[in-house]
C-alpha atoms as a PDB file:
ATOM      1  CA  MET A   1     127.512  93.209  71.374  1.00  0.00           C
ATOM      2  CA  ASN A   2     124.784  95.846  71.643  1.00  0.00           C
ATOM      3  CA  LEU A   3     122.185  93.084  71.580  1.00  0.00           C
ATOM      4  CA  LEU A   4     123.861  91.280  74.489  1.00  0.00           C
ATOM      5  CA  SER A   5     124.321  94.515  76.451  1.00  0.00           C
ATOM      6  CA  SER A   6     120.651  95.463  76.050  1.00  0.00           C
ATOM      7  CA  ALA A   7     119.547  91.973  77.085  1.00  0.00           C
ATOM      8  CA  LEU A   8     121.762  91.951  80.174  1.00  0.00           C
ATOM      9  CA  GLN A   9     120.582  95.389  81.299  1.00  0.00           C
ATOM     10  CA  SER A  10     116.857  94.748  80.888  1.00  0.00           C
ATOM     11  CA  GLY A  11     117.154  91.252  82.390  1.00  0.00           C
ATOM     12  CA  ALA A  12     119.098  92.567  85.380  1.00  0.00           C
ATOM     13  CA  ILE A  13     116.443  95.218  86.067  1.00  0.00           C
ATOM     14  CA  LEU A  14     113.591  92.714  86.049  1.00  0.00           C
ATOM     15  CA  LEU A  15     115.508  90.150  88.116  1.00  0.00           C
ATOM     16  CA  ARG A  16     116.626  92.703  90.696  1.00  0.00           C
ATOM     17  CA  GLU A  17     113.172  94.173  91.153  1.00  0.00           C
ATOM     18  CA  GLY A  18     111.142  90.998  90.698  1.00  0.00           C
ATOM     19  CA  LEU A  19     113.036  88.440  92.767  1.00  0.00           C
ATOM     20  CA  GLU A  20     111.898  89.789  96.129  1.00  0.00           C
ATOM     21  CA  ALA A  21     108.224  89.819  95.132  1.00  0.00           C
ATOM     22  CA  MET A  22     108.549  86.337  93.628  1.00  0.00           C
ATOM     23  CA  LEU A  23     109.998  84.973  96.874  1.00  0.00           C
ATOM     24  CA  ILE A  24     107.123  86.407  98.910  1.00  0.00           C
ATOM     25  CA  VAL A  25     104.481  84.923  96.606  1.00  0.00           C
ATOM     26  CA  ALA A  26     106.301  81.570  96.469  1.00  0.00           C
ATOM     27  CA  VAL A  27     106.601  81.101 100.230  1.00  0.00           C
ATOM     28  CA  LEU A  28     102.981  82.115 100.802  1.00  0.00           C
ATOM     29  CA  ALA A  29     101.824  79.720  98.073  1.00  0.00           C
ATOM     30  CA  GLY A  30     103.787  76.963  99.798  1.00  0.00           C
ATOM     31  CA  VAL A  31     102.169  77.757 103.143  1.00  0.00           C
ATOM     32  CA  LEU A  32      98.681  77.612 101.667  1.00  0.00           C
ATOM     33  CA  THR A  33      99.379  74.330  99.895  1.00  0.00           C
ATOM     34  CA  LYS A  34     100.932  72.716 102.979  1.00  0.00           C
ATOM     35  CA  SER A  35      97.935  73.851 105.034  1.00  0.00           C
ATOM     36  CA  GLY A  36      95.505  72.026 102.784  1.00  0.00           C
ATOM     37  CA  ALA A  37      94.196  75.234 101.257  1.00  0.00           C
ATOM     38  CA  GLY A  38      95.908  75.018  97.878  1.00  0.00           C
ATOM     39  CA  ALA A  39      92.816  76.374  96.159  1.00  0.00           C
ATOM     40  CA  ARG A  40      93.500  79.682  97.862  1.00  0.00           C
ATOM     41  CA  VAL A  41      96.780  80.074  95.981  1.00  0.00           C
ATOM     42  CA  ARG A  42      94.734  81.667  93.213  1.00  0.00           C
ATOM     43  CA  LEU A  43      94.222  84.642  95.547  1.00  0.00           C
ATOM     44  CA  LEU A  44      97.977  85.191  95.484  1.00  0.00           C
ATOM     45  CA  TYR A  45      98.062  84.969  91.706  1.00  0.00           C
ATOM     46  CA  LEU A  46      95.079  87.287  91.460  1.00  0.00           C
ATOM     47  CA  GLY A  47      96.758  89.817  93.748  1.00  0.00           C
ATOM     48  CA  ALA A  48      99.993  89.638  91.740  1.00  0.00           C
ATOM     49  CA  GLY A  49      98.100  89.951  88.447  1.00  0.00           C
ATOM     50  CA  VAL A  50      96.106  92.963  89.601  1.00  0.00           C
ATOM     51  CA  ALA A  51      99.354  94.528  90.840  1.00  0.00           C
ATOM     52  CA  LEU A  52     100.960  94.100  87.402  1.00  0.00           C
ATOM     53  CA  VAL A  53      98.036  95.878  85.740  1.00  0.00           C
ATOM     54  CA  ALA A  54      98.082  98.609  88.399  1.00  0.00           C
ATOM     55  CA  SER A  55     101.860  98.960  87.988  1.00  0.00           C
ATOM     56  CA  LEU A  56     101.481  99.493  84.254  1.00  0.00           C
ATOM     57  CA  GLY A  57      98.826 102.143  84.854  1.00  0.00           C
ATOM     58  CA  MET A  58     100.906 103.850  87.529  1.00  0.00           C
ATOM     59  CA  ALA A  59     103.961 103.833  85.265  1.00  0.00           C
ATOM     60  CA  VAL A  60     101.930 105.615  82.575  1.00  0.00           C
ATOM     61  CA  VAL A  61     100.755 108.186  85.123  1.00  0.00           C
ATOM     62  CA  PHE A  62     104.304 108.789  86.351  1.00  0.00           C
ATOM     63  CA  ALA A  63     105.640 109.018  82.805  1.00  0.00           C
ATOM     64  CA  TYR A  64     103.124 111.634  81.695  1.00  0.00           C
ATOM     65  CA  LEU A  65     102.419 113.577  84.900  1.00  0.00           C
ATOM     66  CA  PHE A  66     105.712 113.326  86.790  1.00  0.00           C
ATOM     67  CA  ASN A  67     108.166 113.190  83.869  1.00  0.00           C
ATOM     68  CA  GLY A  68     109.063 109.601  84.644  1.00  0.00           C
ATOM     69  CA  ALA A  69     109.919 110.241  88.308  1.00  0.00           C
ATOM     70  CA  HIS A  70     108.485 108.032  91.036  1.00  0.00           C
ATOM     71  CA  ASN A  71     106.470 109.469  93.916  1.00  0.00           C
ATOM     72  CA  ASP A  72     108.194 109.137  97.293  1.00  0.00           C
ATOM     73  CA  TRP A  73     104.969 109.644  99.242  1.00  0.00           C
ATOM     74  CA  LEU A  74     103.168 106.862  97.378  1.00  0.00           C
ATOM     75  CA  GLU A  75     106.102 104.471  97.763  1.00  0.00           C
ATOM     76  CA  ALA A  76     106.423 105.216 101.477  1.00  0.00           C
ATOM     77  CA  GLY A  77     102.703 104.567 101.975  1.00  0.00           C
ATOM     78  CA  VAL A  78     102.729 101.316 100.014  1.00  0.00           C
ATOM     79  CA  MET A  79     105.772 100.037 101.880  1.00  0.00           C
ATOM     80  CA  ALA A  80     104.347 100.987 105.287  1.00  0.00           C
ATOM     81  CA  VAL A  81     101.097  99.118 104.588  1.00  0.00           C
ATOM     82  CA  ALA A  82     103.006  96.163 103.135  1.00  0.00           C
ATOM     83  CA  ALA A  83     105.249  96.041 106.221  1.00  0.00           C
ATOM     84  CA  GLY A  84     102.189  95.994 108.485  1.00  0.00           C
ATOM     85  CA  LEU A  85     100.676  93.110 106.515  1.00  0.00           C
ATOM     86  CA  MET A  86     103.952  91.196 106.606  1.00  0.00           C
ATOM     87  CA  PHE A  87     104.181  91.536 110.380  1.00  0.00           C
ATOM     88  CA  TYR A  88     100.560  90.418 110.678  1.00  0.00           C
ATOM     89  CA  MET A  89     101.094  87.351 108.482  1.00  0.00           C
ATOM     90  CA  SER A  90     104.381  86.586 110.260  1.00  0.00           C
ATOM     91  CA  GLY A  91     102.603  86.516 113.612  1.00  0.00           C
ATOM     92  CA  TRP A  92      99.704  84.512 112.188  1.00  0.00           C
ATOM     93  CA  LEU A  93     102.056  81.850 110.842  1.00  0.00           C
ATOM     94  CA  TYR A  94     103.996  81.737 114.118  1.00  0.00           C
ATOM     95  CA  LEU A  95     100.779  81.104 116.034  1.00  0.00           C
ATOM     96  CA  LYS A  96      99.779  78.310 113.612  1.00  0.00           C
ATOM     97  CA  GLN A  97     103.131  76.487 113.793  1.00  0.00           C
ATOM     98  CA  ASP A  98     102.058  73.740 116.236  1.00  0.00           C
ATOM     99  CA  PRO A  99     101.404  70.640 114.079  1.00  0.00           C
ATOM    100  CA  ARG A 100      99.035  69.093 116.638  1.00  0.00           C
ATOM    101  CA  SER A 101      96.716  72.059 116.922  1.00  0.00           C
ATOM    102  CA  LEU A 102      96.911  72.717 113.187  1.00  0.00           C
ATOM    103  CA  ALA A 103      96.054  69.094 112.408  1.00  0.00           C
ATOM    104  CA  ALA A 104      93.052  69.284 114.727  1.00  0.00           C
ATOM    105  CA  HIS A 105      91.907  72.499 113.089  1.00  0.00           C
ATOM    106  CA  LEU A 106      92.272  70.984 109.648  1.00  0.00           C
ATOM    107  CA  LYS A 107      90.169  67.968 110.621  1.00  0.00           C
ATOM    108  CA  GLN A 108      87.455  70.229 111.955  1.00  0.00           C
ATOM    109  CA  GLY A 109      87.695  72.621 109.047  1.00  0.00           C
ATOM    110  CA  ALA A 110      88.368  75.473 111.460  1.00  0.00           C
ATOM    111  CA  ASP A 111      91.796  76.305 110.072  1.00  0.00           C
ATOM    112  CA  LYS A 112      90.452  76.312 106.538  1.00  0.00           C
ATOM    113  CA  ALA A 113      87.882  78.816 107.743  1.00  0.00           C
ATOM    114  CA  ALA A 114      90.687  80.867 109.247  1.00  0.00           C
ATOM    115  CA  LEU A 115      92.519  80.746 105.934  1.00  0.00           C
ATOM    116  CA  THR A 116      89.338  81.841 104.235  1.00  0.00           C
ATOM    117  CA  GLY A 117      89.129  84.800 106.585  1.00  0.00           C
ATOM    118  CA  ALA A 118      92.784  85.564 105.926  1.00  0.00           C
ATOM    119  CA  GLY A 119      92.259  85.367 102.175  1.00  0.00           C
ATOM    120  CA  PHE A 120      92.140  89.113 101.780  1.00  0.00           C
ATOM    121  CA  SER A 121      95.442  89.390 103.640  1.00  0.00           C
ATOM    122  CA  PHE A 122      97.091  86.931 101.264  1.00  0.00           C
ATOM    123  CA  PHE A 123      95.672  88.775  98.254  1.00  0.00           C
ATOM    124  CA  SER A 124      96.733  92.159  99.642  1.00  0.00           C
ATOM    125  CA  LEU A 125     100.229  91.012 100.517  1.00  0.00           C
ATOM    126  CA  ALA A 126     100.805  89.595  97.030  1.00  0.00           C
ATOM    127  CA  PHE A 127      99.408  92.796  95.511  1.00  0.00           C
ATOM    128  CA  LEU A 128     101.606  95.097  97.583  1.00  0.00           C
ATOM    129  CA  ALA A 129     104.733  92.967  97.144  1.00  0.00           C
ATOM    130  CA  VAL A 130     104.405  93.126  93.357  1.00  0.00           C
ATOM    131  CA  PHE A 131     103.045  96.665  93.128  1.00  0.00           C
ATOM    132  CA  ARG A 132     105.859  98.006  95.309  1.00  0.00           C
ATOM    133  CA  GLU A 133     108.361  97.137  92.572  1.00  0.00           C
ATOM    134  CA  GLY A 134     106.142  96.986  89.504  1.00  0.00           C
ATOM    135  CA  ALA A 135     105.676 100.615  88.512  1.00  0.00           C
ATOM    136  CA  GLU A 136     109.296 101.486  89.289  1.00  0.00           C
ATOM    137  CA  THR A 137     110.507  98.515  87.245  1.00  0.00           C
ATOM    138  CA  MET A 138     108.491  99.642  84.251  1.00  0.00           C
ATOM    139  CA  LEU A 139     109.833 103.177  84.582  1.00  0.00           C
ATOM    140  CA  PHE A 140     113.391 101.846  84.683  1.00  0.00           C
ATOM    141  CA  LEU A 141     112.745  99.752  81.594  1.00  0.00           C
ATOM    142  CA  GLN A 142     111.162 102.684  79.781  1.00  0.00           C
ATOM    143  CA  ALA A 143     114.184 104.852  80.620  1.00  0.00           C
ATOM    144  CA  LEU A 144     116.514 102.110  79.388  1.00  0.00           C
ATOM    145  CA  ALA A 145     114.531 101.826  76.163  1.00  0.00           C
ATOM    146  CA  LYS A 146     114.943 105.573  75.582  1.00  0.00           C
ATOM    147  CA  THR A 147     118.710 105.307  75.944  1.00  0.00           C
ATOM    148  CA  GLU A 148     118.654 102.414  73.469  1.00  0.00           C
ATOM    149  CA  GLY A 149     116.697 104.426  70.914  1.00  0.00           C
ATOM    150  CA  GLY A 150     113.493 102.507  71.551  1.00  0.00           C
ATOM    151  CA  TRP A 151     112.458  98.973  72.344  1.00  0.00           C
ATOM    152  CA  ASN A 152     114.557  96.393  70.513  1.00  0.00           C
ATOM    153  CA  LEU A 153     115.172  92.656  70.327  1.00  0.00           C
ATOM    154  CA  GLY A 154     117.893  92.768  72.978  1.00  0.00           C
ATOM    155  CA  LEU A 155     115.591  94.326  75.571  1.00  0.00           C
ATOM    156  CA  ALA A 156     112.868  91.811  74.770  1.00  0.00           C
ATOM    157  CA  LEU A 157     115.271  88.868  75.030  1.00  0.00           C
ATOM    158  CA  GLY A 158     116.565  90.120  78.364  1.00  0.00           C
ATOM    159  CA  LEU A 159     113.042  90.362  79.767  1.00  0.00           C
ATOM    160  CA  ALA A 160     112.148  86.921  78.426  1.00  0.00           C
ATOM    161  CA  GLY A 161     115.261  85.415  80.013  1.00  0.00           C
ATOM    162  CA  ALA A 162     114.561  87.140  83.334  1.00  0.00           C
ATOM    163  CA  CYS A 163     110.955  85.892  83.313  1.00  0.00           C
ATOM    164  CA  ALA A 164     112.209  82.347  82.691  1.00  0.00           C
ATOM    165  CA  LEU A 165     114.669  82.592  85.593  1.00  0.00           C
ATOM    166  CA  LEU A 166     111.997  83.989  87.898  1.00  0.00           C
ATOM    167  CA  ALA A 167     109.618  81.170  86.908  1.00  0.00           C
ATOM    168  CA  LEU A 168     112.335  78.584  87.526  1.00  0.00           C
ATOM    169  CA  SER A 169     113.165  80.122  90.904  1.00  0.00           C
ATOM    170  CA  TYR A 170     109.473  80.083  91.791  1.00  0.00           C
ATOM    171  CA  ALA A 171     109.185  76.390  90.899  1.00  0.00           C
ATOM    172  CA  VAL A 172     112.276  75.519  92.955  1.00  0.00           C
ATOM    173  CA  MET A 173     110.946  77.451  95.955  1.00  0.00           C
ATOM    174  CA  ARG A 174     107.540  75.765  95.735  1.00  0.00           C
ATOM    175  CA  ARG A 175     109.108  72.313  95.424  1.00  0.00           C
ATOM    176  CA  ALA A 176     111.441  72.921  98.368  1.00  0.00           C
ATOM    177  CA  THR A 177     108.563  74.187 100.499  1.00  0.00           C
ATOM    178  CA  LEU A 178     106.405  71.147  99.756  1.00  0.00           C
ATOM    179  CA  LYS A 179     109.208  68.755 100.750  1.00  0.00           C
ATOM    180  CA  LEU A 180     109.690  70.308 104.185  1.00  0.00           C
ATOM    181  CA  PRO A 181     107.625  69.353 107.263  1.00  0.00           C
ATOM    182  CA  LEU A 182     104.772  71.682 108.112  1.00  0.00           C
ATOM    183  CA  ARG A 183     106.226  73.286 111.231  1.00  0.00           C
ATOM    184  CA  PRO A 184     109.569  74.350 109.666  1.00  0.00           C
ATOM    185  CA  VAL A 185     107.665  75.782 106.696  1.00  0.00           C
ATOM    186  CA  PHE A 186     105.535  77.940 108.982  1.00  0.00           C
ATOM    187  CA  LEU A 187     108.486  79.019 111.141  1.00  0.00           C
ATOM    188  CA  VAL A 188     110.799  79.811 108.220  1.00  0.00           C
ATOM    189  CA  THR A 189     108.053  81.680 106.380  1.00  0.00           C
ATOM    190  CA  SER A 190     107.165  83.604 109.538  1.00  0.00           C
ATOM    191  CA  ALA A 191     110.802  84.637 109.992  1.00  0.00           C
ATOM    192  CA  PHE A 192     111.168  85.497 106.302  1.00  0.00           C
ATOM    193  CA  LEU A 193     108.103  87.749 106.312  1.00  0.00           C
ATOM    194  CA  PHE A 194     109.248  89.422 109.520  1.00  0.00           C
ATOM    195  CA  VAL A 195     112.662  90.235 108.023  1.00  0.00           C
ATOM    196  CA  MET A 196     111.011  91.478 104.831  1.00  0.00           C
ATOM    197  CA  GLY A 197     108.728  93.646 106.957  1.00  0.00           C
ATOM    198  CA  LEU A 198     111.779  95.155 108.641  1.00  0.00           C
ATOM    199  CA  ARG A 199     113.294  95.889 105.242  1.00  0.00           C
ATOM    200  CA  PHE A 200     110.085  97.561 104.091  1.00  0.00           C
ATOM    201  CA  VAL A 201     110.070  99.722 107.224  1.00  0.00           C
ATOM    202  CA  GLY A 202     113.611 100.832 106.412  1.00  0.00           C
ATOM    203  CA  ALA A 203     112.648 101.503 102.802  1.00  0.00           C
ATOM    204  CA  ALA A 204     109.661 103.607 103.887  1.00  0.00           C
ATOM    205  CA  VAL A 205     111.924 105.644 106.173  1.00  0.00           C
ATOM    206  CA  GLN A 206     114.314 106.109 103.265  1.00  0.00           C
ATOM    207  CA  GLU A 207     111.537 107.583 101.129  1.00  0.00           C
ATOM    208  CA  LEU A 208     110.847 110.102 103.910  1.00  0.00           C
ATOM    209  CA  GLN A 209     114.558 110.827 104.157  1.00  0.00           C
ATOM    210  CA  GLU A 210     114.619 111.618 100.452  1.00  0.00           C
ATOM    211  CA  GLN A 211     111.881 114.167 101.139  1.00  0.00           C
ATOM    212  CA  GLN A 212     114.089 115.550 103.931  1.00  0.00           C
ATOM    213  CA  LEU A 213     111.344 114.925 106.475  1.00  0.00           C
ATOM    214  CA  VAL A 214     113.539 112.550 108.476  1.00  0.00           C
ATOM    215  CA  GLY A 215     117.228 112.912 109.323  1.00  0.00           C
ATOM    216  CA  PHE A 216     120.036 110.746 107.994  1.00  0.00           C
ATOM    217  CA  ASP A 217     122.508 109.559 110.636  1.00  0.00           C
ATOM    218  CA  GLU A 218     124.520 106.568 109.497  1.00  0.00           C
ATOM    219  CA  ALA A 219     124.675 103.674 111.929  1.00  0.00           C
ATOM    220  CA  PRO A 220     127.708 101.464 112.578  1.00  0.00           C
ATOM    221  CA  PHE A 221     128.330  98.792 109.955  1.00  0.00           C
ATOM    222  CA  GLY A 222     126.385 100.875 107.473  1.00  0.00           C
ATOM    223  CA  ALA A 223     128.102  99.318 104.470  1.00  0.00           C
ATOM    224  CA  ALA A 224     127.205  95.804 105.651  1.00  0.00           C
ATOM    225  CA  LEU A 225     123.589  96.803 106.243  1.00  0.00           C
ATOM    226  CA  SER A 226     123.375  98.370 102.792  1.00  0.00           C
ATOM    227  CA  SER A 227     124.761  95.218 101.180  1.00  0.00           C
ATOM    228  CA  LEU A 228     121.939  93.246 102.834  1.00  0.00           C
ATOM    229  CA  GLY A 229     119.333  95.661 101.508  1.00  0.00           C
ATOM    230  CA  PHE A 230     118.699  97.464 104.794  1.00  0.00           C
ATOM    231  CA  ASN A 231     118.569 101.186 105.439  1.00  0.00           C
ATOM    232  CA  PRO A 232     121.923 101.887 107.204  1.00  0.00           C
ATOM    233  CA  THR A 233     120.709 104.769 109.379  1.00  0.00           C
ATOM    234  CA  TRP A 234     119.677 105.137 113.007  1.00  0.00           C
ATOM    235  CA  GLU A 235     116.343 106.589 111.884  1.00  0.00           C
ATOM    236  CA  ALA A 236     115.491 103.222 110.333  1.00  0.00           C
ATOM    237  CA  LEU A 237     117.250 101.022 112.891  1.00  0.00           C
ATOM    238  CA  GLY A 238     115.343 102.634 115.774  1.00  0.00           C
ATOM    239  CA  PRO A 239     111.851 101.427 114.786  1.00  0.00           C
ATOM    240  CA  GLN A 240     113.284  98.148 113.467  1.00  0.00           C
ATOM    241  CA  LEU A 241     114.950  97.359 116.808  1.00  0.00           C
ATOM    242  CA  ALA A 242     111.741  98.304 118.623  1.00  0.00           C
ATOM    243  CA  LEU A 243     109.756  95.901 116.422  1.00  0.00           C
ATOM    244  CA  ILE A 244     112.301  93.126 117.035  1.00  0.00           C
ATOM    245  CA  LEU A 245     112.025  93.686 120.800  1.00  0.00           C
ATOM    246  CA  ILE A 246     108.221  93.610 120.687  1.00  0.00           C
ATOM    247  CA  ALA A 247     108.241  90.400 118.618  1.00  0.00           C
ATOM    248  CA  ALA A 248     110.754  88.757 120.963  1.00  0.00           C
ATOM    249  CA  LEU A 249     108.705  89.651 124.050  1.00  0.00           C
ATOM    250  CA  ALA A 250     105.511  88.394 122.399  1.00  0.00           C
ATOM    251  CA  ALA A 251     107.184  85.088 121.443  1.00  0.00           C
ATOM    252  CA  LEU A 252     108.539  84.716 124.983  1.00  0.00           C
ATOM    253  CA  ALA A 253     105.099  85.365 126.449  1.00  0.00           C
ATOM    254  CA  LEU A 254     103.552  82.755 124.183  1.00  0.00           C
ATOM    255  CA  ARG A 255     106.176  80.147 125.099  1.00  0.00           C
ATOM    256  CA  THR A 256     105.732  80.900 128.808  1.00  0.00           C
ATOM    257  CA  ARG A 257     101.968  80.562 128.503  1.00  0.00           C
ATOM    258  CA  ALA A 258     102.294  77.288 126.571  1.00  0.00           C
ATOM    259  CA  ALA A 259     104.661  75.881 129.225  1.00  0.00           C
ATOM    260  CA  SER A 260     102.345  76.863 132.063  1.00  0.00           C
ATOM    261  CA  PRO A 261     100.565  73.871 133.694  1.00  0.00           C
ATOM    262  CA  SER A 262      97.237  75.698 133.498  1.00  0.00           C
ATOM    263  CA  ALA A 263      97.667  76.339 129.729  1.00  0.00           C
END
């Protein structure tokens, strides 16, 4: 029974913290492959791999210098930068959604050049998505191991099972992405990254709230927002609603320009 309990706890930690990062990497890998730039997927893997190494190093630093506590300032900074990159990539994908213009760019090699220029953004986004959760996940696992009297077979089995589930989920996401037409892939991925960016904004505000630098005034339907992973306060909803308004106005302007006879 102890073996099963240890496995379930360690597996749940890795799944909870790793699923979000896996989804981000999977949808971006699908976009690159569908765009004819599958070779660039290695930038995502490289970013995720570097983030895992950095997470391990950061976990060691936190364990020895901060008594195992995470740093709110660092997390807020990482999430703010990650949110900015997600909004950037969301807009980039929205602009590239037109199959006709994308096909023309692919024939001319121009879009591949654009993807090459955006390579650092893909690498950075994968790095930040994984690093955001990585160090904290390792600290959680280390704390769990201490309560279990050290690392044991149950913890290892739980992590192995969680890794297998994450790998399976990744494969399913990639397969689903490759079966969809190009335009829906770009639009869905753009929307997904935008929503994730909003969540990261809320999470960054929460870190500042924990430092008591920002107030905490619960918004209506706070329980529902919390269940969806959003910060249920007006301090987070304010900038999120502003970003939604800006994105909506920008999309409207682009549609109006595209519909214009002189466009």
